[in-house]
Protein backbone atom coordinates (compact mmCIF):
# COMPACT_ATOMS: atom_id res chain seq x y z
CA UNK A 1 122.73 97.90 64.32
CA UNK A 2 119.10 98.56 65.24
CA UNK A 3 116.46 96.59 63.46
CA UNK A 4 113.24 98.27 62.40
CA UNK A 5 111.23 95.70 64.32
CA UNK A 6 109.85 96.70 67.70
CA UNK A 7 111.68 95.15 70.65
CA UNK A 8 110.17 94.93 74.11
CA UNK A 9 113.61 94.16 75.55
CA UNK A 10 115.07 97.28 73.93
CA UNK A 11 112.11 99.25 75.30
CA UNK A 12 112.68 97.97 78.83
CA UNK A 13 116.42 98.68 78.76
CA UNK A 14 116.05 102.15 77.28
CA UNK A 15 113.07 102.85 79.53
CA UNK A 16 115.01 102.10 82.70
CA UNK A 17 117.90 104.37 81.75
CA UNK A 18 115.66 107.11 80.33
CA UNK A 19 113.30 106.95 83.32
CA UNK A 20 116.10 107.41 85.85
CA UNK A 21 117.74 110.20 83.83
CA UNK A 22 114.45 112.02 83.19
CA UNK A 23 113.47 111.83 86.86
CA UNK A 24 116.82 113.35 87.80
CA UNK A 25 116.37 116.16 85.26
CA UNK A 26 112.81 116.74 86.50
CA UNK A 27 114.03 117.00 90.10
CA UNK A 28 116.65 119.58 89.13
CA UNK A 29 114.06 121.56 87.19
CA UNK A 30 111.73 121.57 90.21
CA UNK A 31 114.53 122.77 92.48
CA UNK A 32 115.39 125.53 90.04
CA UNK A 33 111.79 126.74 89.65
CA UNK A 34 111.19 126.59 93.41
CA UNK A 35 114.34 128.64 94.05
CA UNK A 36 113.24 131.10 91.39
CA UNK A 37 109.81 131.47 92.95
CA UNK A 38 111.35 132.08 96.37
CA UNK A 39 113.64 134.75 94.91
CA UNK A 40 110.66 136.48 93.31
CA UNK A 41 108.78 136.43 96.62
CA UNK A 42 111.80 137.91 98.43
CA UNK A 43 112.10 140.68 95.83
CA UNK A 44 108.41 141.52 96.19
CA UNK A 45 108.75 141.76 99.96
CA UNK A 46 111.85 143.94 99.67
CA UNK A 47 109.96 146.20 97.26
CA UNK A 48 107.23 146.45 99.90
CA UNK A 49 109.96 147.68 102.29
CA UNK A 50 109.91 144.66 104.58
CA UNK A 51 113.03 144.05 106.62
CA UNK A 52 115.50 141.54 105.10
CA UNK A 53 115.68 139.90 108.54
CA UNK A 54 111.90 139.55 108.66
CA UNK A 55 111.86 138.09 105.15
CA UNK A 56 114.58 135.58 106.06
CA UNK A 57 112.73 134.60 109.24
CA UNK A 58 109.44 134.11 107.38
CA UNK A 59 111.19 132.08 104.67
CA UNK A 60 112.87 129.85 107.26
CA UNK A 61 109.52 129.26 108.97
CA UNK A 62 107.86 128.44 105.65
CA UNK A 63 110.65 126.00 104.71
CA UNK A 64 110.39 124.34 108.15
CA UNK A 65 106.64 123.88 107.73
CA UNK A 66 107.13 122.42 104.25
CA UNK A 67 109.84 120.05 105.51
CA UNK A 68 107.52 118.74 108.21
CA UNK A 69 104.65 118.28 105.74
CA UNK A 70 104.59 114.93 103.92
CA UNK A 71 104.56 114.98 100.14
CA UNK A 72 102.74 112.32 98.12
CA UNK A 73 105.81 110.10 97.67
CA UNK A 74 106.50 110.13 101.42
CA UNK A 75 102.89 109.16 102.12
CA UNK A 76 103.22 106.25 99.67
CA UNK A 77 106.51 105.19 101.30
CA UNK A 78 104.90 105.32 104.75
CA UNK A 79 101.90 103.30 103.52
CA UNK A 80 104.18 100.70 101.94
CA UNK A 81 106.12 100.39 105.19
CA UNK A 82 102.90 100.05 107.16
CA UNK A 83 101.54 97.43 104.74
CA UNK A 84 104.71 95.38 105.18
CA UNK A 85 104.46 95.60 108.95
CA UNK A 86 107.39 97.95 109.43
CA UNK A 87 107.69 101.48 110.77
CA UNK A 88 109.29 104.20 108.68
CA UNK A 89 111.32 106.44 110.98
CA UNK A 90 110.86 110.17 110.45
CA UNK A 91 114.51 110.65 109.48
CA UNK A 92 114.15 108.05 106.69
CA UNK A 93 110.91 109.44 105.26
CA UNK A 94 112.57 111.83 102.77
CA UNK A 95 114.90 109.10 101.46
CA UNK A 96 112.02 106.63 101.14
CA UNK A 97 109.95 109.26 99.34
CA UNK A 98 112.81 109.84 96.89
CA UNK A 99 113.01 106.09 96.28
CA UNK A 100 109.28 106.00 95.53
CA UNK A 101 109.65 108.99 93.18
CA UNK A 102 112.54 107.40 91.26
CA UNK A 103 110.81 104.00 91.14
CA UNK A 104 107.68 105.60 89.68
CA UNK A 105 109.73 107.70 87.24
CA UNK A 106 111.63 104.62 86.11
CA UNK A 107 108.41 102.61 85.72
CA UNK A 108 106.87 105.39 83.63
CA UNK A 109 110.08 105.48 81.57
CA UNK A 110 109.66 101.77 80.84
CA UNK A 111 105.99 102.29 79.91
CA UNK A 112 106.98 105.12 77.58
CA UNK A 113 109.88 103.34 75.89
CA UNK A 114 108.05 100.03 75.42
CA UNK A 115 105.05 101.93 74.05
CA UNK A 116 107.34 103.88 71.71
CA UNK A 117 108.72 100.61 70.37
CA UNK A 118 105.22 99.33 69.57
CA UNK A 119 103.54 102.61 68.58
CA UNK A 120 106.06 105.27 67.50
CA UNK A 121 103.35 107.96 67.65
CA UNK A 122 103.75 107.83 71.44
CA UNK A 123 106.81 110.03 70.95
CA UNK A 124 104.65 112.88 69.57
CA UNK A 125 105.96 116.24 70.71
CA UNK A 126 109.32 114.66 71.53
CA UNK A 127 107.87 113.12 74.69
CA UNK A 128 106.16 116.28 75.91
CA UNK A 129 102.68 114.92 75.10
CA UNK A 130 103.47 111.89 77.27
CA UNK A 131 104.68 114.21 80.05
CA UNK A 132 101.45 116.20 79.85
CA UNK A 133 99.36 113.02 79.90
CA UNK A 134 101.33 111.79 82.92
CA UNK A 135 100.77 115.11 84.71
CA UNK A 136 97.03 115.01 84.06
CA UNK A 137 96.56 111.35 84.99
CA UNK A 138 98.94 111.19 87.97
CA UNK A 139 99.14 114.68 89.52
CA UNK A 140 95.67 115.92 88.70
CA UNK A 141 93.65 112.70 89.05
CA UNK A 142 95.35 109.75 90.77
CA UNK A 143 97.32 111.56 93.50
CA UNK A 144 94.27 113.50 94.80
CA UNK A 145 91.98 110.45 94.32
CA UNK A 146 94.25 108.37 96.58
CA UNK A 147 94.29 111.25 99.07
CA UNK A 148 98.01 111.81 98.62
CA UNK A 149 97.54 115.55 98.13
CA UNK A 150 94.89 118.22 98.28
CA UNK A 151 92.32 118.42 95.50
CA UNK A 152 93.21 120.31 92.33
CA UNK A 153 90.82 123.13 93.29
CA UNK A 154 92.70 123.58 96.59
CA UNK A 155 96.09 123.79 94.88
CA UNK A 156 97.56 127.16 93.95
CA UNK A 157 97.57 127.78 90.17
CA UNK A 158 101.36 128.35 90.20
CA UNK A 159 101.82 124.85 91.65
CA UNK A 160 99.74 123.35 88.82
CA UNK A 161 101.84 125.20 86.27
CA UNK A 162 105.11 124.19 87.93
CA UNK A 163 104.09 120.52 88.12
CA UNK A 164 102.90 120.51 84.51
CA UNK A 165 106.15 122.15 83.34
CA UNK A 166 108.13 119.59 85.38
CA UNK A 167 106.30 116.75 83.64
CA UNK A 168 106.86 118.31 80.22
CA UNK A 169 110.58 118.49 81.05
CA UNK A 170 110.40 114.84 82.24
CA UNK A 171 108.73 113.71 79.00
CA UNK A 172 111.16 115.62 76.81
CA UNK A 173 114.11 114.22 78.75
CA UNK A 174 112.68 110.71 78.43
CA UNK A 175 112.57 111.03 74.65
CA UNK A 176 116.05 112.53 74.35
CA UNK A 177 117.65 109.76 76.41
CA UNK A 178 115.50 106.97 74.88
CA UNK A 179 116.32 108.14 71.36
CA UNK A 180 120.04 108.44 72.13
CA UNK A 181 120.27 104.96 73.66
CA UNK A 182 118.14 103.42 70.92
CA UNK A 183 120.52 104.81 68.29
CA UNK A 184 123.48 103.29 70.15
CA UNK A 185 121.93 99.83 70.43
């Protein structure tokens, strides 16, 4: 049975599990919103009477360009490899970027869960306030400051909204999983 006393160990254990689960949910949410945005763009082009073949060709080109462009986690993975004196092959860059993303998501899950043990008010908004704070501090400040992405003023407003929503989903998922595991401990 759970004691009412804060437990750093319980926070670490729940944070690891919640961080991994919330990162997975966040990834799926991002894939869903990206697919939705692409579908909207295709519908707009069809309404403008563009050829379906032309639309498919343009979409394939856009996806190719995006695949060749490094995202922030891939840049971090490449920098880590370089700092350790190794080379990160191009074919491993996506996997290494995913590992960085999940490591960061897990670390933030630990921060959240340990903080929730010590200061229950951290769970305000069922984790969504934490997700918003993480979005503002990481996506809007740290990532551009470390030159891992373009500046916030150079980023399309839809991308800001999508990233914020993804972090709200992450924070909410963190709290759901943390709360569930805490009740079981």
